[in-house]
Amino acid sequence: MIRIWCNFTSNNYTIMARQSISLTKPNDEWLRTQVDSKEYSSKSELVNDLIRQARKQQAQIDWIKAKLEKAENSGFTNDSKEQILSLLKTLLK
C-alpha cells in the first residue's frame, strides 16, 4: 500500500489531501522501478503525473466526442477522411 498526497489550491493556500490506495504487486514494482531509476522522486509524484496525463487524455477524448456529435448532427462534411485524420493527429500532439 502507498499513500498519495494530492495538492488542492484555494485562496492561495495549498491543502494536501491524504489518500491510501492498494496496488497489485506488478504495479507496485513498476512504480518502484520508475522511482529507482530517478525518473521520479517518489511514487506519489509518479501517480500524480499519471493522473495529470489521464486527465489530459480525457479532455482530448471529450473534445473528439463533441466534434463527432456536432458532425453527426450537421449531417455531412466536405473534408476527406485524410483531412480529418490529419487534423486529429495534429490536435493530439
Protein backbone atom coordinates (compact mmCIF):
# COMPACT_ATOMS: atom_id res chain seq x y z
CA MET A 1 0.00 0.00 0.00
CA ILE A 2 1.18 3.51 -0.74
CA ARG A 3 -0.09 6.85 0.44
CA ILE A 4 -0.68 9.60 -2.08
CA TRP A 5 -0.61 13.32 -1.31
CA CYS A 6 -2.71 15.47 -3.62
CA ASN A 7 -2.41 19.26 -3.93
CA PHE A 8 -5.52 21.41 -3.85
CA THR A 9 -5.16 25.17 -4.13
CA SER A 10 -7.79 27.52 -2.78
CA ASN A 11 -7.42 31.21 -1.90
CA ASN A 12 -3.61 30.98 -2.18
CA TYR A 13 -3.45 28.10 0.32
CA THR A 14 -2.26 24.63 -0.58
CA ILE A 15 -4.12 21.81 1.12
CA MET A 16 -2.77 18.27 0.91
CA ALA A 17 -5.38 15.51 0.75
CA ARG A 18 -4.12 12.20 2.04
CA GLN A 19 -5.22 9.08 0.19
CA SER A 20 -4.41 5.41 0.68
CA ILE A 21 -4.55 3.02 -2.24
CA SER A 22 -3.74 -0.65 -2.70
CA LEU A 23 -1.70 -1.72 -5.70
CA THR A 24 -1.15 -5.07 -7.33
CA LYS A 25 2.38 -6.38 -6.95
CA PRO A 26 3.30 -5.78 -10.62
CA ASN A 27 2.06 -2.18 -10.46
CA ASP A 28 3.90 -1.51 -7.21
CA GLU A 29 7.10 -2.98 -8.67
CA TRP A 30 6.73 -0.83 -11.80
CA LEU A 31 6.30 2.30 -9.66
CA ARG A 32 9.33 1.37 -7.58
CA THR A 33 11.40 0.82 -10.73
CA GLN A 34 10.48 4.27 -12.04
CA VAL A 35 11.47 5.89 -8.75
CA ASP A 36 14.68 3.83 -8.51
CA SER A 37 15.67 4.97 -12.00
CA LYS A 38 15.46 8.56 -10.72
CA GLU A 39 12.75 9.37 -13.28
CA TYR A 40 10.58 10.46 -10.36
CA SER A 41 11.49 11.35 -6.80
CA SER A 42 8.59 9.43 -5.24
CA LYS A 43 5.69 7.14 -6.02
CA SER A 44 3.32 9.98 -5.18
CA GLU A 45 4.93 12.24 -7.78
CA LEU A 46 4.64 9.50 -10.39
CA VAL A 47 1.00 8.72 -9.56
CA ASN A 48 0.12 12.43 -9.73
CA ASP A 49 1.84 12.67 -13.12
CA LEU A 50 -0.10 9.64 -14.40
CA ILE A 51 -3.35 11.23 -13.21
CA ARG A 52 -2.48 14.50 -14.98
CA GLN A 53 -1.77 12.57 -18.18
CA ALA A 54 -5.06 10.66 -17.88
CA ARG A 55 -6.96 13.92 -17.33
CA LYS A 56 -5.34 15.46 -20.41
CA GLN A 57 -6.18 12.38 -22.45
CA GLN A 58 -9.79 12.50 -21.21
CA ALA A 59 -10.05 16.16 -22.25
CA GLN A 60 -8.84 15.21 -25.74
CA ILE A 61 -11.35 12.35 -25.92
CA ASP A 62 -14.15 14.68 -24.80
CA TRP A 63 -13.13 17.19 -27.49
CA ILE A 64 -13.21 14.48 -30.18
CA LYS A 65 -16.60 13.24 -28.96
CA ALA A 66 -18.01 16.77 -29.10
CA LYS A 67 -16.69 17.23 -32.63
CA LEU A 68 -18.15 13.87 -33.71
CA GLU A 69 -21.53 14.70 -32.18
CA LYS A 70 -21.52 18.09 -33.93
CA ALA A 71 -20.60 16.42 -37.22
CA GLU A 72 -23.30 13.78 -36.80
CA ASN A 73 -25.88 16.46 -36.07
CA SER A 74 -24.84 18.56 -39.08
CA GLY A 75 -25.35 15.63 -41.39
CA PHE A 76 -22.29 15.99 -43.63
CA THR A 77 -18.78 17.32 -44.12
CA ASN A 78 -16.75 18.29 -47.15
CA ASP A 79 -13.48 17.14 -45.54
CA SER A 80 -11.91 13.93 -46.76
CA LYS A 81 -11.03 11.09 -44.39
CA GLU A 82 -7.37 12.01 -44.81
CA GLN A 83 -8.02 15.66 -43.86
CA ILE A 84 -9.98 14.65 -40.76
CA LEU A 85 -7.29 12.18 -39.70
CA SER A 86 -4.54 14.76 -40.26
CA LEU A 87 -6.41 17.35 -38.15
CA LEU A 88 -6.93 14.85 -35.32
CA LYS A 89 -3.26 13.83 -35.31
CA THR A 90 -2.23 17.48 -35.15
CA LEU A 91 -4.58 18.21 -32.25
CA LEU A 92 -3.50 15.14 -30.26
CA LYS A 93 0.19 16.07 -30.24
